Amino acid sequence: MSTVIDTAPAPVTFTEGAVKELFKLRDQQELSDDFGLRIGVEGGGCSGMSYVLGFDQKKDGDQEFLINGLRVFMHKAHGMYLMGMEI
């Protein structure tokens, strides 16, 4: 799978503290370079949407953003649910 980083503005932003913590967590897990942070949503039934946040590899249908030096993967359909979110 080729690496194409989306040049559109990312739908989410990260605080400085979140970026530091995410890099720390990634380093502790000793993940390879093909891993990035996956953000998204899942259907939660009657309670609404649940958020997804964790390290994962890029999948078909994902957009890839580079946010504060961190690779971020997000399924294209999730952007509308995440727009304007700050982590």
C-alpha atoms as a PDB file:
ATOM      1  CA  MET A   1       0.000   0.000   0.000  1.00  0.00           C
ATOM      2  CA  SER A   2       1.464   3.353  -0.994  1.00  0.00           C
ATOM      3  CA  THR A   3       1.836   6.169   1.490  1.00  0.00           C
ATOM      4  CA  VAL A   4      -0.141   9.227   0.442  1.00  0.00           C
ATOM      5  CA  ILE A   5      -0.414  11.975   3.015  1.00  0.00           C
ATOM      6  CA  ASP A   6      -3.559  14.065   2.605  1.00  0.00           C
ATOM      7  CA  THR A   7      -2.740  17.719   2.049  1.00  0.00           C
ATOM      8  CA  ALA A   8      -6.186  18.904   3.157  1.00  0.00           C
ATOM      9  CA  PRO A   9      -6.432  20.320   6.668  1.00  0.00           C
ATOM     10  CA  ALA A  10      -6.721  17.550   9.250  1.00  0.00           C
ATOM     11  CA  PRO A  11     -10.165  17.359  10.860  1.00  0.00           C
ATOM     12  CA  VAL A  12      -8.631  17.118  14.351  1.00  0.00           C
ATOM     13  CA  THR A  13      -5.951  18.935  16.303  1.00  0.00           C
ATOM     14  CA  PHE A  14      -3.784  17.812  19.206  1.00  0.00           C
ATOM     15  CA  THR A  15      -2.740  19.745  22.276  1.00  0.00           C
ATOM     16  CA  GLU A  16       0.981  19.929  22.966  1.00  0.00           C
ATOM     17  CA  GLY A  17       0.547  17.619  25.956  1.00  0.00           C
ATOM     18  CA  ALA A  18      -1.350  15.053  23.877  1.00  0.00           C
ATOM     19  CA  VAL A  19       1.404  15.011  21.235  1.00  0.00           C
ATOM     20  CA  LYS A  20       4.089  14.391  23.865  1.00  0.00           C
ATOM     21  CA  GLU A  21       2.066  11.602  25.466  1.00  0.00           C
ATOM     22  CA  LEU A  22       1.269   9.950  22.122  1.00  0.00           C
ATOM     23  CA  PHE A  23       4.939   9.904  21.104  1.00  0.00           C
ATOM     24  CA  LYS A  24       5.814   8.465  24.514  1.00  0.00           C
ATOM     25  CA  LEU A  25       3.186   5.718  24.192  1.00  0.00           C
ATOM     26  CA  ARG A  26       4.295   4.889  20.643  1.00  0.00           C
ATOM     27  CA  ASP A  27       7.926   4.614  21.748  1.00  0.00           C
ATOM     28  CA  GLN A  28       7.027   2.421  24.737  1.00  0.00           C
ATOM     29  CA  GLN A  29       5.177   0.007  22.453  1.00  0.00           C
ATOM     30  CA  GLU A  30       8.217  -0.166  20.121  1.00  0.00           C
ATOM     31  CA  LEU A  31       6.020   0.035  17.019  1.00  0.00           C
ATOM     32  CA  SER A  32       7.458  -0.056  13.502  1.00  0.00           C
ATOM     33  CA  ASP A  33       7.322   2.989  11.234  1.00  0.00           C
ATOM     34  CA  ASP A  34       4.270   1.697   9.368  1.00  0.00           C
ATOM     35  CA  PHE A  35       2.099   2.257  12.464  1.00  0.00           C
ATOM     36  CA  GLY A  36       0.260   5.494  13.103  1.00  0.00           C
ATOM     37  CA  LEU A  37      -2.490   6.767  15.346  1.00  0.00           C
ATOM     38  CA  ARG A  38      -5.950   5.661  14.237  1.00  0.00           C
ATOM     39  CA  ILE A  39      -8.806   7.977  15.121  1.00  0.00           C
ATOM     40  CA  GLY A  40     -12.410   7.286  14.259  1.00  0.00           C
ATOM     41  CA  VAL A  41     -15.872   6.430  15.443  1.00  0.00           C
ATOM     42  CA  GLU A  42     -17.870   3.247  15.934  1.00  0.00           C
ATOM     43  CA  GLY A  43     -21.613   2.847  16.175  1.00  0.00           C
ATOM     44  CA  GLY A  44     -22.599   2.539  19.795  1.00  0.00           C
ATOM     45  CA  GLY A  45     -26.211   1.438  19.474  1.00  0.00           C
ATOM     46  CA  CYS A  46     -28.659   3.413  21.570  1.00  0.00           C
ATOM     47  CA  SER A  47     -25.840   5.306  23.306  1.00  0.00           C
ATOM     48  CA  GLY A  48     -24.643   6.895  20.046  1.00  0.00           C
ATOM     49  CA  MET A  49     -21.113   6.959  18.663  1.00  0.00           C
ATOM     50  CA  SER A  50     -17.994   5.817  20.475  1.00  0.00           C
ATOM     51  CA  TYR A  51     -14.575   7.205  19.623  1.00  0.00           C
ATOM     52  CA  VAL A  52     -11.660   5.038  18.471  1.00  0.00           C
ATOM     53  CA  LEU A  53      -8.104   6.030  19.361  1.00  0.00           C
ATOM     54  CA  GLY A  54      -5.148   3.668  19.136  1.00  0.00           C
ATOM     55  CA  PHE A  55      -2.071   2.738  17.148  1.00  0.00           C
ATOM     56  CA  ASP A  56      -2.717   0.768  13.991  1.00  0.00           C
ATOM     57  CA  GLN A  57      -1.522   0.212  10.437  1.00  0.00           C
ATOM     58  CA  LYS A  58      -3.027   1.997   7.441  1.00  0.00           C
ATOM     59  CA  LYS A  59      -5.999   0.217   5.848  1.00  0.00           C
ATOM     60  CA  ASP A  60      -7.814   0.543   2.529  1.00  0.00           C
ATOM     61  CA  GLY A  61     -10.110   3.561   2.577  1.00  0.00           C
ATOM     62  CA  ASP A  62      -7.966   5.471   5.096  1.00  0.00           C
ATOM     63  CA  GLN A  63      -6.792   9.020   4.796  1.00  0.00           C
ATOM     64  CA  GLU A  64      -3.375   9.755   6.246  1.00  0.00           C
ATOM     65  CA  PHE A  65      -2.465  13.058   7.856  1.00  0.00           C
ATOM     66  CA  LEU A  66       0.787  14.219   9.398  1.00  0.00           C
ATOM     67  CA  ILE A  67      -0.144  16.158  12.528  1.00  0.00           C
ATOM     68  CA  ASN A  68       2.662  17.592  14.653  1.00  0.00           C
ATOM     69  CA  GLY A  69       5.006  14.929  13.233  1.00  0.00           C
ATOM     70  CA  LEU A  70       2.621  12.079  14.049  1.00  0.00           C
ATOM     71  CA  ARG A  71       1.118   9.852  11.354  1.00  0.00           C
ATOM     72  CA  VAL A  72      -2.660   9.812  11.783  1.00  0.00           C
ATOM     73  CA  PHE A  73      -5.010   7.401   9.986  1.00  0.00           C
ATOM     74  CA  MET A  74      -8.713   7.977   9.622  1.00  0.00           C
ATOM     75  CA  HIS A  75     -11.323   6.305   7.447  1.00  0.00           C
ATOM     76  CA  LYS A  76     -12.635   8.898   4.991  1.00  0.00           C
ATOM     77  CA  ALA A  77     -16.228   8.520   6.185  1.00  0.00           C
ATOM     78  CA  HIS A  78     -15.311   9.435   9.783  1.00  0.00           C
ATOM     79  CA  GLY A  79     -14.143  12.976   9.005  1.00  0.00           C
ATOM     80  CA  MET A  80     -17.606  14.478   9.343  1.00  0.00           C
ATOM     81  CA  TYR A  81     -17.919  13.091  12.895  1.00  0.00           C
ATOM     82  CA  LEU A  82     -14.458  14.260  13.974  1.00  0.00           C
ATOM     83  CA  MET A  83     -14.341  17.719  12.364  1.00  0.00           C
ATOM     84  CA  GLY A  84     -13.116  20.348  14.832  1.00  0.00           C
ATOM     85  CA  MET A  85     -12.207  17.870  17.588  1.00  0.00           C
ATOM     86  CA  GLU A  86      -9.194  18.593  19.777  1.00  0.00           C
ATOM     87  CA  ILE A  87      -7.386  15.718  21.440  1.00  0.00           C
END
